[in-house]
Amino acid sequence: MKSNITLKLDAALLREIRILAAEEGTSISAMLAARLEQILRERKSYDRSRRRALARLREGMNLSWTPPRSRDELYER
């Protein structure tokens, strides 16, 4: 189900958007709907990636590193 919304746009902006929509062979409504859907997809993708990255940070990484037992071992070459 689709719902209607009302936008208030500057007359010059509206004129340019109408021209752009006509050049692309679409309507202003379809252009706005497509762009809003794209914004939501990008946001969801970002949020998913962020959650995965934070989970990896919480888990940490096993670098298989052990600290040297003494200062002498640290500077041994």
N, C-alpha and C. Protein backbone atom coordinates (compact mmCIF):
# COMPACT_ATOMS: atom_id res chain seq x y z
N MET A 1 0.83 -1.17 0.00
CA MET A 1 0.00 0.00 0.00
C MET A 1 0.88 1.24 0.00
N LYS A 2 0.58 2.18 -0.82
CA LYS A 2 1.34 3.42 -0.90
C LYS A 2 0.54 4.56 -0.30
N SER A 3 1.25 5.50 0.29
CA SER A 3 0.61 6.68 0.88
C SER A 3 1.15 7.93 0.21
N ASN A 4 0.37 8.96 0.23
CA ASN A 4 0.78 10.24 -0.33
C ASN A 4 1.42 11.11 0.74
N ILE A 5 2.37 11.94 0.30
CA ILE A 5 2.97 12.93 1.19
C ILE A 5 2.96 14.28 0.48
N THR A 6 3.15 15.33 1.22
CA THR A 6 3.21 16.67 0.64
C THR A 6 4.59 17.24 0.90
N LEU A 7 5.18 17.80 -0.14
CA LEU A 7 6.49 18.45 -0.03
C LEU A 7 6.35 19.92 -0.37
N LYS A 8 7.11 20.74 0.31
CA LYS A 8 7.18 22.15 -0.04
C LYS A 8 8.57 22.40 -0.59
N LEU A 9 8.62 22.76 -1.87
CA LEU A 9 9.89 23.01 -2.54
C LEU A 9 9.90 24.40 -3.16
N ASP A 10 11.06 24.96 -3.25
CA ASP A 10 11.24 26.22 -3.94
C ASP A 10 10.84 26.03 -5.41
N ALA A 11 10.21 27.04 -6.00
CA ALA A 11 9.70 26.95 -7.38
C ALA A 11 10.82 26.63 -8.37
N ALA A 12 11.99 27.26 -8.20
CA ALA A 12 13.10 27.02 -9.11
C ALA A 12 13.60 25.58 -8.99
N LEU A 13 13.67 25.08 -7.77
CA LEU A 13 14.09 23.70 -7.55
C LEU A 13 13.10 22.73 -8.17
N LEU A 14 11.83 22.98 -7.96
CA LEU A 14 10.80 22.12 -8.53
C LEU A 14 10.89 22.08 -10.06
N ARG A 15 11.11 23.24 -10.67
CA ARG A 15 11.24 23.30 -12.13
C ARG A 15 12.41 22.44 -12.60
N GLU A 16 13.55 22.55 -11.92
CA GLU A 16 14.73 21.75 -12.31
C GLU A 16 14.49 20.26 -12.10
N ILE A 17 13.81 19.91 -11.03
CA ILE A 17 13.51 18.50 -10.76
C ILE A 17 12.57 17.94 -11.82
N ARG A 18 11.58 18.74 -12.23
CA ARG A 18 10.67 18.29 -13.29
C ARG A 18 11.43 18.03 -14.58
N ILE A 19 12.36 18.91 -14.91
CA ILE A 19 13.17 18.74 -16.12
C ILE A 19 14.01 17.47 -16.00
N LEU A 20 14.65 17.28 -14.85
CA LEU A 20 15.48 16.09 -14.63
C LEU A 20 14.66 14.82 -14.75
N ALA A 21 13.49 14.81 -14.14
CA ALA A 21 12.62 13.63 -14.20
C ALA A 21 12.21 13.35 -15.64
N ALA A 22 11.87 14.39 -16.39
CA ALA A 22 11.47 14.22 -17.79
C ALA A 22 12.63 13.67 -18.61
N GLU A 23 13.84 14.17 -18.36
CA GLU A 23 15.02 13.68 -19.09
C GLU A 23 15.27 12.21 -18.81
N GLU A 24 15.00 11.79 -17.60
CA GLU A 24 15.21 10.40 -17.22
C GLU A 24 13.99 9.52 -17.52
N GLY A 25 12.94 10.13 -18.00
CA GLY A 25 11.74 9.37 -18.35
C GLY A 25 11.02 8.78 -17.15
N THR A 26 11.01 9.51 -16.07
CA THR A 26 10.37 9.02 -14.84
C THR A 26 9.61 10.17 -14.19
N SER A 27 8.99 9.90 -13.09
CA SER A 27 8.27 10.94 -12.36
C SER A 27 9.09 11.39 -11.15
N ILE A 28 8.74 12.53 -10.63
CA ILE A 28 9.40 13.03 -9.42
C ILE A 28 9.16 12.04 -8.28
N SER A 29 7.95 11.54 -8.20
CA SER A 29 7.60 10.58 -7.15
C SER A 29 8.48 9.34 -7.23
N ALA A 30 8.65 8.81 -8.44
CA ALA A 30 9.48 7.61 -8.61
C ALA A 30 10.94 7.90 -8.29
N MET A 31 11.42 9.09 -8.67
CA MET A 31 12.81 9.47 -8.36
C MET A 31 13.02 9.55 -6.86
N LEU A 32 12.09 10.20 -6.17
CA LEU A 32 12.22 10.33 -4.72
C LEU A 32 12.13 8.98 -4.03
N ALA A 33 11.19 8.15 -4.47
CA ALA A 33 11.03 6.83 -3.85
C ALA A 33 12.30 6.00 -4.03
N ALA A 34 12.89 6.03 -5.23
CA ALA A 34 14.11 5.27 -5.49
C ALA A 34 15.26 5.78 -4.62
N ARG A 35 15.40 7.09 -4.51
CA ARG A 35 16.48 7.66 -3.71
C ARG A 35 16.30 7.35 -2.23
N LEU A 36 15.08 7.43 -1.73
CA LEU A 36 14.83 7.11 -0.33
C LEU A 36 15.11 5.64 -0.03
N GLU A 37 14.73 4.77 -0.96
CA GLU A 37 15.03 3.34 -0.79
C GLU A 37 16.54 3.11 -0.77
N GLN A 38 17.27 3.83 -1.63
CA GLN A 38 18.73 3.70 -1.67
C GLN A 38 19.34 4.16 -0.34
N ILE A 39 18.85 5.25 0.19
CA ILE A 39 19.35 5.75 1.48
C ILE A 39 19.13 4.71 2.57
N LEU A 40 17.96 4.10 2.60
CA LEU A 40 17.67 3.08 3.61
C LEU A 40 18.57 1.85 3.44
N ARG A 41 18.77 1.40 2.20
CA ARG A 41 19.66 0.25 1.96
C ARG A 41 21.07 0.55 2.43
N GLU A 42 21.57 1.75 2.10
CA GLU A 42 22.92 2.13 2.52
C GLU A 42 23.02 2.18 4.04
N ARG A 43 22.00 2.72 4.69
CA ARG A 43 22.01 2.82 6.15
C ARG A 43 22.02 1.43 6.78
N LYS A 44 21.17 0.53 6.26
CA LYS A 44 21.11 -0.82 6.81
C LYS A 44 22.43 -1.55 6.58
N SER A 45 23.03 -1.36 5.40
CA SER A 45 24.31 -2.00 5.11
C SER A 45 25.39 -1.46 6.05
N TYR A 46 25.40 -0.15 6.26
CA TYR A 46 26.36 0.46 7.17
C TYR A 46 26.18 -0.08 8.59
N ASP A 47 24.93 -0.12 9.05
CA ASP A 47 24.65 -0.61 10.40
C ASP A 47 25.09 -2.06 10.57
N ARG A 48 24.82 -2.89 9.55
CA ARG A 48 25.22 -4.30 9.60
C ARG A 48 26.75 -4.41 9.67
N SER A 49 27.43 -3.65 8.82
CA SER A 49 28.89 -3.68 8.81
C SER A 49 29.46 -3.20 10.13
N ARG A 50 28.87 -2.16 10.67
CA ARG A 50 29.34 -1.62 11.95
C ARG A 50 29.18 -2.64 13.06
N ARG A 51 28.03 -3.31 13.11
CA ARG A 51 27.82 -4.33 14.15
C ARG A 51 28.83 -5.46 14.02
N ARG A 52 29.10 -5.90 12.77
CA ARG A 52 30.09 -6.97 12.57
C ARG A 52 31.48 -6.52 13.01
N ALA A 53 31.85 -5.30 12.66
CA ALA A 53 33.17 -4.79 13.03
C ALA A 53 33.30 -4.68 14.54
N LEU A 54 32.28 -4.18 15.20
CA LEU A 54 32.33 -4.06 16.67
C LEU A 54 32.39 -5.43 17.33
N ALA A 55 31.69 -6.41 16.77
CA ALA A 55 31.73 -7.77 17.32
C ALA A 55 33.14 -8.33 17.19
N ARG A 56 33.78 -8.09 16.04
CA ARG A 56 35.16 -8.57 15.85
C ARG A 56 36.11 -7.90 16.83
N LEU A 57 35.90 -6.61 17.08
CA LEU A 57 36.75 -5.91 18.03
C LEU A 57 36.58 -6.46 19.44
N ARG A 58 35.34 -6.78 19.81
CA ARG A 58 35.09 -7.34 21.14
C ARG A 58 35.75 -8.71 21.28
N GLU A 59 35.70 -9.50 20.22
CA GLU A 59 36.31 -10.84 20.27
C GLU A 59 37.83 -10.74 20.36
N GLY A 60 38.39 -9.75 19.69
CA GLY A 60 39.84 -9.60 19.66
C GLY A 60 40.47 -10.57 18.67
N MET A 61 41.77 -10.45 18.52
CA MET A 61 42.49 -11.32 17.60
C MET A 61 43.61 -12.03 18.35
N ASN A 62 43.81 -13.26 18.02
CA ASN A 62 44.90 -14.02 18.60
C ASN A 62 46.13 -13.81 17.72
N LEU A 63 47.07 -13.03 18.21
CA LEU A 63 48.28 -12.75 17.44
C LEU A 63 49.41 -13.71 17.78
N SER A 64 49.16 -14.64 18.66
CA SER A 64 50.15 -15.64 19.08
C SER A 64 51.45 -14.98 19.53
N TRP A 65 51.33 -13.91 20.25
CA TRP A 65 52.48 -13.19 20.73
C TRP A 65 52.61 -13.40 22.23
N THR A 66 53.80 -13.66 22.66
CA THR A 66 54.07 -13.76 24.09
C THR A 66 55.16 -12.75 24.43
N PRO A 67 55.00 -12.06 25.50
CA PRO A 67 56.01 -11.05 25.84
C PRO A 67 57.33 -11.73 26.22
N PRO A 68 58.46 -11.08 25.95
CA PRO A 68 59.75 -11.65 26.34
C PRO A 68 59.83 -11.79 27.86
N ARG A 69 60.58 -12.78 28.30
CA ARG A 69 60.66 -13.03 29.74
C ARG A 69 61.53 -12.01 30.47
N SER A 70 62.45 -11.39 29.75
CA SER A 70 63.31 -10.43 30.43
C SER A 70 63.73 -9.33 29.45
N ARG A 71 64.32 -8.29 30.01
CA ARG A 71 64.80 -7.18 29.20
C ARG A 71 65.92 -7.66 28.27
N ASP A 72 66.74 -8.56 28.74
CA ASP A 72 67.84 -9.08 27.92
C ASP A 72 67.30 -9.79 26.68
N GLU A 73 66.26 -10.57 26.86
CA GLU A 73 65.67 -11.29 25.72
C GLU A 73 65.06 -10.29 24.73
N LEU A 74 64.54 -9.20 25.24
CA LEU A 74 63.92 -8.22 24.38
C LEU A 74 64.93 -7.62 23.40
N TYR A 75 66.14 -7.37 23.89
CA TYR A 75 67.15 -6.72 23.05
C TYR A 75 68.10 -7.71 22.41
N GLU A 76 67.86 -8.99 22.57
CA GLU A 76 68.68 -10.01 21.93
C GLU A 76 68.40 -10.00 20.45
N ARG A 77 69.44 -10.08 19.63
CA ARG A 77 69.22 -10.05 18.18
C ARG A 77 69.76 -11.30 17.55
